[in-house]
């Protein structure tokens, strides 16, 4: 049963930009969580806290959009890159560089992903035409 579930997950994963969405989601975590940390951990407080929650939430929604709506991969990937770049000056250095770096990488991966083309079956050769 585990093997069947794994094959099903693998088939689902190959039909969408899974790794790009995963990197965008992993980039959203430090951007979203760091403003909630104690003040000693934060580089800046105030507007960085609000924008961190907002930009982290946007990145998480974009990651889910990449997984569950693959036709929107290009626009969602580009918006994820833009939000990740905007998070750098607006939120504690973009989650201490980690969130921005993962978001940029994931957004670029998602925007450049393309579905596999079906394999062409070779046409049978006519044995009589010799």
Protein backbone atom coordinates (compact mmCIF):
# COMPACT_ATOMS: atom_id res chain seq x y z
CA UNK A 1 0.00 0.00 0.00
CA UNK A 2 2.86 2.38 0.79
CA UNK A 3 4.41 1.70 -2.61
CA UNK A 4 1.13 2.47 -4.35
CA UNK A 5 0.77 5.75 -2.43
CA UNK A 6 4.36 6.70 -3.25
CA UNK A 7 3.82 6.00 -6.98
CA UNK A 8 0.64 8.04 -6.89
CA UNK A 9 2.46 10.94 -5.21
CA UNK A 10 5.31 10.68 -7.72
CA UNK A 11 2.86 10.84 -10.62
CA UNK A 12 1.18 13.90 -9.07
CA UNK A 13 4.55 15.56 -8.39
CA UNK A 14 5.76 15.14 -11.96
CA UNK A 15 2.78 17.00 -13.41
CA UNK A 16 3.49 20.29 -11.65
CA UNK A 17 6.42 22.48 -10.51
CA UNK A 18 6.66 20.69 -7.17
CA UNK A 19 10.24 21.62 -6.24
CA UNK A 20 9.76 25.27 -7.13
CA UNK A 21 6.68 25.41 -4.92
CA UNK A 22 8.52 23.65 -2.12
CA UNK A 23 11.40 26.16 -2.22
CA UNK A 24 8.96 29.09 -2.26
CA UNK A 25 7.13 27.60 0.73
CA UNK A 26 10.40 27.01 2.59
CA UNK A 27 11.39 30.60 1.83
CA UNK A 28 8.09 31.87 3.24
CA UNK A 29 8.72 30.23 6.61
CA UNK A 30 11.63 32.41 7.85
CA UNK A 31 10.07 35.55 6.40
CA UNK A 32 6.80 34.82 8.20
CA UNK A 33 8.19 33.43 11.47
CA UNK A 34 11.08 35.77 12.25
CA UNK A 35 8.88 38.82 13.01
CA UNK A 36 7.21 36.67 15.68
CA UNK A 37 10.55 35.99 17.39
CA UNK A 38 11.72 37.81 20.54
CA UNK A 39 13.07 41.32 19.99
CA UNK A 40 16.68 40.17 20.56
CA UNK A 41 16.52 38.02 17.43
CA UNK A 42 15.03 40.68 15.19
CA UNK A 43 17.16 43.13 13.25
CA UNK A 44 14.34 45.65 13.00
CA UNK A 45 10.89 45.86 14.50
CA UNK A 46 7.77 47.79 13.55
CA UNK A 47 6.84 47.81 9.88
CA UNK A 48 9.14 44.82 9.31
CA UNK A 49 6.81 42.72 11.46
CA UNK A 50 3.70 43.63 9.50
CA UNK A 51 5.35 43.31 6.10
CA UNK A 52 6.95 40.02 7.16
CA UNK A 53 3.58 38.51 7.95
CA UNK A 54 2.07 39.90 4.75
CA UNK A 55 4.89 38.86 2.40
CA UNK A 56 5.29 35.46 4.06
CA UNK A 57 1.58 34.80 3.62
CA UNK A 58 1.69 35.85 -0.03
CA UNK A 59 4.62 33.51 -0.66
CA UNK A 60 2.81 30.60 1.01
CA UNK A 61 -0.28 31.20 -1.15
CA UNK A 62 1.90 31.37 -4.26
CA UNK A 63 3.56 28.07 -3.32
CA UNK A 64 0.16 26.40 -2.97
CA UNK A 65 -0.89 27.95 -6.28
CA UNK A 66 2.16 26.39 -7.94
CA UNK A 67 1.18 22.97 -6.61
CA UNK A 68 -2.54 23.02 -7.24
CA UNK A 69 -2.79 25.22 -10.35
CA UNK A 70 0.17 24.43 -12.63
CA UNK A 71 -1.06 26.55 -15.58
CA UNK A 72 -0.37 29.67 -13.48
CA UNK A 73 3.25 28.63 -12.90
CA UNK A 74 4.90 31.45 -14.87
CA UNK A 75 3.02 34.34 -13.29
CA UNK A 76 3.11 32.78 -9.81
CA UNK A 77 6.84 32.10 -10.14
CA UNK A 78 7.57 35.66 -11.25
CA UNK A 79 5.46 37.13 -8.45
CA UNK A 80 7.28 34.86 -5.96
CA UNK A 81 10.62 36.21 -7.19
CA UNK A 82 9.39 39.81 -6.88
CA UNK A 83 7.97 39.24 -3.40
CA UNK A 84 11.21 37.55 -2.31
CA UNK A 85 13.26 40.47 -3.56
CA UNK A 86 10.88 42.93 -1.86
CA UNK A 87 11.18 40.98 1.38
CA UNK A 88 14.90 41.73 1.58
CA UNK A 89 14.60 45.45 2.45
CA UNK A 90 11.15 45.22 4.04
CA UNK A 91 11.53 42.30 6.45
CA UNK A 92 14.62 41.67 8.54
CA UNK A 93 16.87 41.16 5.53
CA UNK A 94 14.43 38.75 3.91
CA UNK A 95 14.42 36.29 6.78
CA UNK A 96 18.18 36.72 7.29
CA UNK A 97 18.89 36.11 3.56
CA UNK A 98 17.54 32.56 3.75
CA UNK A 99 13.91 33.35 2.95
CA UNK A 100 14.72 35.65 0.06
CA UNK A 101 17.27 33.24 -1.41
CA UNK A 102 14.91 30.24 -1.24
CA UNK A 103 12.02 32.30 -2.63
CA UNK A 104 14.05 33.58 -5.57
CA UNK A 105 15.35 30.09 -6.34
CA UNK A 106 11.89 28.49 -6.08
CA UNK A 107 10.20 31.19 -8.14
CA UNK A 108 12.79 30.87 -10.89
CA UNK A 109 12.44 27.09 -10.88
CA UNK A 110 8.66 27.35 -11.10
CA UNK A 111 8.67 29.92 -13.90
CA UNK A 112 11.05 27.85 -15.99
CA UNK A 113 9.33 24.48 -15.42
CA UNK A 114 7.52 22.91 -18.36
CA UNK A 115 5.41 19.74 -18.43
CA UNK A 116 6.86 16.69 -20.11
CA UNK A 117 5.88 16.10 -23.68
CA UNK A 118 4.37 12.68 -24.38
CA UNK A 119 6.72 10.23 -26.04
CA UNK A 120 6.07 9.63 -29.71
CA UNK A 121 5.42 6.02 -30.54
CA UNK A 122 7.37 4.82 -33.56
CA UNK A 123 5.20 3.92 -36.49
CA UNK A 124 5.50 0.29 -37.62
CA UNK A 125 7.62 -0.30 -40.68
CA UNK A 126 5.81 -1.98 -43.56
CA UNK A 127 7.63 -5.27 -44.21
CA UNK A 128 6.11 -5.71 -47.69
CA UNK A 129 7.58 -2.48 -49.12
CA UNK A 130 11.05 -3.84 -49.89
